[in-house]
Amino acid sequence: MEKIKKIPYEVTPSTEDGKKKATILLTGALTLDEIPSIKYLMIQNLDKYHSFDIIIKDVENIDLGALQLLYSFKWTVERKSKEVSFNLSLSDEHVNLLEHNGFADLLNNKK
């Protein structure tokens, strides 16, 4: 019997104050190998919603490429006058990676 693999990325649409909102859940390996899939997911949903909640949890690995993609998404969303918030549940090691590489503003950022 084949093991069922959990889907590492999930988009949940909702409406808040009459505006379309997406909650994007990212889990598992957030590394260079996964960037094309994550980027496609984000581009696919960028124009569909007015606000985004990015939830990152149960992370096995995360690297600078993934952090740069998240930061780029944040910048793009804000340039389009949309809203984005990040809720990251990361290990101490991953938090240190963010803090020491200039991405500390992504940590539990609510806008």
C-alpha atoms as a PDB file:
ATOM      1  CA  MET A   1       0.000   0.000   0.000  1.00  0.00           C
ATOM      2  CA  GLU A   2       1.346   3.386  -0.978  1.00  0.00           C
ATOM      3  CA  LYS A   3       1.727   6.041   1.705  1.00  0.00           C
ATOM      4  CA  ILE A   4      -0.530   9.066   1.204  1.00  0.00           C
ATOM      5  CA  LYS A   5       1.564  12.192   0.877  1.00  0.00           C
ATOM      6  CA  LYS A   6       0.309  15.347   2.570  1.00  0.00           C
ATOM      7  CA  ILE A   7      -0.054  18.316   0.242  1.00  0.00           C
ATOM      8  CA  PRO A   8       2.514  20.878   1.418  1.00  0.00           C
ATOM      9  CA  TYR A   9       0.738  23.955  -0.007  1.00  0.00           C
ATOM     10  CA  GLU A  10      -2.870  24.948   0.408  1.00  0.00           C
ATOM     11  CA  VAL A  11      -4.946  28.016  -0.496  1.00  0.00           C
ATOM     12  CA  THR A  12      -8.154  28.679   1.428  1.00  0.00           C
ATOM     13  CA  PRO A  13     -10.349  31.470   0.051  1.00  0.00           C
ATOM     14  CA  SER A  14     -12.679  33.570   2.193  1.00  0.00           C
ATOM     15  CA  THR A  15     -14.349  36.963   2.259  1.00  0.00           C
ATOM     16  CA  GLU A  16     -13.691  39.566   4.935  1.00  0.00           C
ATOM     17  CA  ASP A  17     -15.424  42.960   4.943  1.00  0.00           C
ATOM     18  CA  GLY A  18     -16.555  42.316   1.373  1.00  0.00           C
ATOM     19  CA  LYS A  19     -12.974  41.749   0.162  1.00  0.00           C
ATOM     20  CA  LYS A  20     -11.643  38.462  -1.126  1.00  0.00           C
ATOM     21  CA  LYS A  21      -8.980  36.978   1.118  1.00  0.00           C
ATOM     22  CA  ALA A  22      -6.659  33.991   0.693  1.00  0.00           C
ATOM     23  CA  THR A  23      -4.962  32.040   3.416  1.00  0.00           C
ATOM     24  CA  ILE A  24      -1.895  30.334   1.987  1.00  0.00           C
ATOM     25  CA  LEU A  25      -0.457  27.495   4.045  1.00  0.00           C
ATOM     26  CA  LEU A  26       3.105  26.412   3.304  1.00  0.00           C
ATOM     27  CA  THR A  27       4.626  23.382   5.043  1.00  0.00           C
ATOM     28  CA  GLY A  28       7.413  20.875   4.572  1.00  0.00           C
ATOM     29  CA  ALA A  29      10.498  21.667   2.527  1.00  0.00           C
ATOM     30  CA  LEU A  30      10.682  25.319   1.480  1.00  0.00           C
ATOM     31  CA  THR A  31      13.873  25.097  -0.544  1.00  0.00           C
ATOM     32  CA  LEU A  32      15.188  25.945  -3.997  1.00  0.00           C
ATOM     33  CA  ASP A  33      13.696  22.719  -5.377  1.00  0.00           C
ATOM     34  CA  GLU A  34      10.220  23.839  -4.315  1.00  0.00           C
ATOM     35  CA  ILE A  35      10.442  27.503  -5.369  1.00  0.00           C
ATOM     36  CA  PRO A  36       8.890  27.019  -8.839  1.00  0.00           C
ATOM     37  CA  SER A  37       5.788  25.395  -7.282  1.00  0.00           C
ATOM     38  CA  ILE A  38       5.467  28.038  -4.569  1.00  0.00           C
ATOM     39  CA  LYS A  39       6.019  30.871  -7.053  1.00  0.00           C
ATOM     40  CA  TYR A  40       3.371  29.451  -9.394  1.00  0.00           C
ATOM     41  CA  LEU A  41       0.906  29.165  -6.497  1.00  0.00           C
ATOM     42  CA  MET A  42       1.501  32.788  -5.510  1.00  0.00           C
ATOM     43  CA  ILE A  43       1.335  34.187  -9.043  1.00  0.00           C
ATOM     44  CA  GLN A  44      -1.812  32.188  -9.730  1.00  0.00           C
ATOM     45  CA  ASN A  45      -3.556  33.808  -6.743  1.00  0.00           C
ATOM     46  CA  LEU A  46      -2.063  37.315  -6.764  1.00  0.00           C
ATOM     47  CA  ASP A  47      -4.817  38.981  -8.787  1.00  0.00           C
ATOM     48  CA  LYS A  48      -7.679  36.891  -7.372  1.00  0.00           C
ATOM     49  CA  TYR A  49      -7.548  38.269  -3.831  1.00  0.00           C
ATOM     50  CA  HIS A  50      -7.199  41.590  -2.019  1.00  0.00           C
ATOM     51  CA  SER A  51      -5.494  40.288   1.106  1.00  0.00           C
ATOM     52  CA  PHE A  52      -3.283  37.353   1.969  1.00  0.00           C
ATOM     53  CA  ASP A  53      -2.460  35.519   5.173  1.00  0.00           C
ATOM     54  CA  ILE A  54       0.690  33.482   4.677  1.00  0.00           C
ATOM     55  CA  ILE A  55       0.995  30.721   7.277  1.00  0.00           C
ATOM     56  CA  ILE A  56       4.236  28.777   7.433  1.00  0.00           C
ATOM     57  CA  LYS A  57       4.449  25.847   9.826  1.00  0.00           C
ATOM     58  CA  ASP A  58       5.803  22.315  10.148  1.00  0.00           C
ATOM     59  CA  VAL A  59       8.846  23.353   8.131  1.00  0.00           C
ATOM     60  CA  GLU A  60      11.446  20.683   7.489  1.00  0.00           C
ATOM     61  CA  ASN A  61      13.876  22.978   5.659  1.00  0.00           C
ATOM     62  CA  ILE A  62      13.826  26.576   4.546  1.00  0.00           C
ATOM     63  CA  ASP A  63      16.559  28.359   2.632  1.00  0.00           C
ATOM     64  CA  LEU A  64      17.379  31.880   1.510  1.00  0.00           C
ATOM     65  CA  GLY A  65      15.788  31.354  -1.898  1.00  0.00           C
ATOM     66  CA  ALA A  66      12.421  30.647  -0.286  1.00  0.00           C
ATOM     67  CA  LEU A  67      12.808  33.645   2.027  1.00  0.00           C
ATOM     68  CA  GLN A  68      13.611  35.876  -0.942  1.00  0.00           C
ATOM     69  CA  LEU A  69      10.505  34.598  -2.730  1.00  0.00           C
ATOM     70  CA  LEU A  70       8.337  35.360   0.314  1.00  0.00           C
ATOM     71  CA  TYR A  71       9.830  38.820   0.624  1.00  0.00           C
ATOM     72  CA  SER A  72       9.315  39.439  -3.098  1.00  0.00           C
ATOM     73  CA  PHE A  73       5.676  38.362  -2.764  1.00  0.00           C
ATOM     74  CA  LYS A  74       5.244  40.754   0.178  1.00  0.00           C
ATOM     75  CA  TRP A  75       6.746  43.606  -1.841  1.00  0.00           C
ATOM     76  CA  THR A  76       4.603  42.827  -4.903  1.00  0.00           C
ATOM     77  CA  VAL A  77       1.377  42.588  -2.891  1.00  0.00           C
ATOM     78  CA  GLU A  78       2.049  45.910  -1.156  1.00  0.00           C
ATOM     79  CA  ARG A  79       2.906  47.610  -4.474  1.00  0.00           C
ATOM     80  CA  LYS A  80      -0.525  46.545  -5.739  1.00  0.00           C
ATOM     81  CA  SER A  81      -2.092  48.256  -2.671  1.00  0.00           C
ATOM     82  CA  LYS A  82      -3.126  44.912  -1.248  1.00  0.00           C
ATOM     83  CA  GLU A  83      -2.533  43.501   2.220  1.00  0.00           C
ATOM     84  CA  VAL A  84      -0.336  40.650   3.386  1.00  0.00           C
ATOM     85  CA  SER A  85       0.468  39.184   6.773  1.00  0.00           C
ATOM     86  CA  PHE A  86       2.846  36.414   7.762  1.00  0.00           C
ATOM     87  CA  ASN A  87       2.526  33.930  10.581  1.00  0.00           C
ATOM     88  CA  LEU A  88       5.629  31.779  10.787  1.00  0.00           C
ATOM     89  CA  SER A  89       6.012  28.921  13.248  1.00  0.00           C
ATOM     90  CA  LEU A  90       9.677  28.072  12.891  1.00  0.00           C
ATOM     91  CA  SER A  91      12.407  26.402  14.896  1.00  0.00           C
ATOM     92  CA  ASP A  92      14.951  28.577  16.671  1.00  0.00           C
ATOM     93  CA  GLU A  93      17.470  27.690  13.973  1.00  0.00           C
ATOM     94  CA  HIS A  94      15.150  28.908  11.222  1.00  0.00           C
ATOM     95  CA  VAL A  95      14.326  32.091  13.169  1.00  0.00           C
ATOM     96  CA  ASN A  96      18.071  32.801  13.471  1.00  0.00           C
ATOM     97  CA  LEU A  97      18.401  32.343   9.705  1.00  0.00           C
ATOM     98  CA  LEU A  98      15.725  34.982   9.129  1.00  0.00           C
ATOM     99  CA  GLU A  99      17.108  37.428  11.680  1.00  0.00           C
ATOM    100  CA  HIS A 100      20.717  37.172  10.512  1.00  0.00           C
ATOM    101  CA  ASN A 101      19.887  37.538   6.834  1.00  0.00           C
ATOM    102  CA  GLY A 102      17.646  40.601   6.944  1.00  0.00           C
ATOM    103  CA  PHE A 103      14.238  38.914   6.882  1.00  0.00           C
ATOM    104  CA  ALA A 104      13.217  39.497  10.502  1.00  0.00           C
ATOM    105  CA  ASP A 105      10.232  41.621   9.437  1.00  0.00           C
ATOM    106  CA  LEU A 106       8.569  38.454   8.076  1.00  0.00           C
ATOM    107  CA  LEU A 107       8.394  36.953  11.580  1.00  0.00           C
ATOM    108  CA  ASN A 108       4.795  36.992  12.801  1.00  0.00           C
ATOM    109  CA  ASN A 109       4.176  40.162  10.829  1.00  0.00           C
ATOM    110  CA  LYS A 110       0.565  41.319  10.947  1.00  0.00           C
ATOM    111  CA  LYS A 111      -0.603  44.127   8.663  1.00  0.00           C
END
